[in-house]
Amino acid sequence: MSGSEIICAVIINTLFCLSIRTLMMENKPLHFLRKPLENKKKVAWYWFPLVWCVICFASFWGSICFITLNGIMTREMIIVCISSTFLLKIVSDNVEF
């Protein structure tokens, strides 16, 4: 993959993760996945990349998105997922979910 393809993949992964988070917000279609965890004081670690933490989404949902669009390219996938994590952190610090 070239540099521009990696940048496009980072943007796509970031937008995909943000859209998953938006769909899991209250009164949205996928909120039922997140709702059972909202009343718990401690959430198990494996729920974070699946439904709880938008920054952690890049490790699970970002990998699924990348593999679906590009196939299995381990090195590029790691670069894209880590870059998406940084972008998701910046967005989540500046936008209220």
Protein backbone atom coordinates (compact mmCIF):
# COMPACT_ATOMS: atom_id res chain seq x y z
CA MET A 1 0.00 0.00 0.00
CA SER A 2 1.18 3.48 -0.77
CA GLY A 3 1.17 6.34 1.71
CA SER A 4 -1.97 7.88 0.27
CA GLU A 5 -3.81 4.54 0.47
CA ILE A 6 -2.83 4.21 4.12
CA ILE A 7 -4.07 7.74 4.86
CA CYS A 8 -7.38 6.96 3.13
CA ALA A 9 -7.66 3.71 5.11
CA VAL A 10 -7.03 5.61 8.37
CA ILE A 11 -9.77 8.11 7.54
CA ILE A 12 -12.20 5.34 6.54
CA ASN A 13 -11.47 3.35 9.71
CA THR A 14 -11.87 6.42 11.90
CA LEU A 15 -15.19 7.36 10.30
CA PHE A 16 -16.37 3.75 10.54
CA CYS A 17 -15.56 3.60 14.26
CA LEU A 18 -17.28 6.93 14.87
CA SER A 19 -20.36 5.74 13.01
CA ILE A 20 -20.47 2.54 15.11
CA ARG A 21 -20.26 4.71 18.23
CA THR A 22 -23.05 6.95 16.96
CA LEU A 23 -25.26 3.93 16.29
CA MET A 24 -24.67 2.74 19.88
CA MET A 25 -25.73 6.03 21.46
CA GLU A 26 -28.97 6.29 23.42
CA ASN A 27 -32.13 6.04 21.27
CA LYS A 28 -30.15 4.71 18.29
CA PRO A 29 -30.52 1.28 16.60
CA LEU A 30 -27.57 -0.49 18.28
CA HIS A 31 -28.04 0.92 21.77
CA PHE A 32 -29.36 -2.45 22.94
CA LEU A 33 -25.78 -3.80 22.74
CA ARG A 34 -24.48 -1.17 25.11
CA LYS A 35 -27.47 -0.80 27.44
CA PRO A 36 -26.83 -3.84 29.71
CA LEU A 37 -23.36 -2.48 30.54
CA GLU A 38 -24.45 1.04 31.46
CA ASN A 39 -25.59 0.17 34.98
CA LYS A 40 -22.52 -1.86 35.90
CA LYS A 41 -19.88 -0.26 38.08
CA LYS A 42 -17.08 -2.26 36.49
CA VAL A 43 -17.13 -3.40 32.89
CA ALA A 44 -15.05 -6.42 31.85
CA TRP A 45 -12.04 -5.58 29.71
CA TYR A 46 -13.28 -7.46 26.62
CA TRP A 47 -16.33 -5.17 26.27
CA PHE A 48 -14.21 -2.07 25.72
CA PRO A 49 -13.22 -2.65 22.06
CA LEU A 50 -16.63 -4.14 21.25
CA VAL A 51 -19.17 -1.63 22.57
CA TRP A 52 -17.81 0.62 25.31
CA CYS A 53 -14.76 2.70 24.39
CA VAL A 54 -14.70 4.64 21.11
CA ILE A 55 -10.90 4.89 21.27
CA CYS A 56 -10.65 1.11 21.67
CA PHE A 57 -12.94 0.51 18.70
CA ALA A 58 -10.02 0.79 16.27
CA SER A 59 -8.51 -2.44 17.56
CA PHE A 60 -11.64 -4.49 16.85
CA TRP A 61 -13.99 -2.65 14.49
CA GLY A 62 -11.11 -0.98 12.66
CA SER A 63 -9.47 -4.34 12.01
CA ILE A 64 -12.73 -5.77 10.70
CA CYS A 65 -13.24 -2.77 8.42
CA PHE A 66 -9.65 -2.90 7.15
CA ILE A 67 -9.72 -6.65 6.43
CA THR A 68 -13.09 -6.34 4.69
CA LEU A 69 -11.89 -3.58 2.39
CA ASN A 70 -8.23 -4.55 1.85
CA GLY A 71 -7.75 -8.18 2.80
CA ILE A 72 -5.23 -9.39 5.34
CA MET A 73 -2.15 -7.17 5.32
CA THR A 74 -0.86 -7.36 8.86
CA ARG A 75 1.74 -4.58 8.86
CA GLU A 76 -0.52 -2.07 7.12
CA MET A 77 -3.46 -3.03 9.33
CA ILE A 78 -1.44 -2.36 12.48
CA ILE A 79 -0.33 1.03 11.14
CA VAL A 80 -3.88 1.98 10.17
CA CYS A 81 -5.44 0.81 13.45
CA ILE A 82 -2.88 2.63 15.60
CA SER A 83 -3.29 5.80 13.54
CA SER A 84 -7.07 5.52 13.82
CA THR A 85 -6.71 5.18 17.58
CA PHE A 86 -4.86 8.51 17.74
CA LEU A 87 -7.48 10.22 15.57
CA LEU A 88 -10.32 8.75 17.66
CA LYS A 89 -8.63 10.05 20.81
CA ILE A 90 -8.42 13.55 19.34
CA VAL A 91 -12.05 13.46 18.22
CA SER A 92 -13.36 12.01 21.50
CA ASP A 93 -11.52 14.70 23.49
CA ASN A 94 -13.13 17.45 21.44
CA VAL A 95 -16.62 16.03 20.79
CA GLU A 96 -19.17 15.10 23.43
CA PHE A 97 -20.78 11.69 22.84
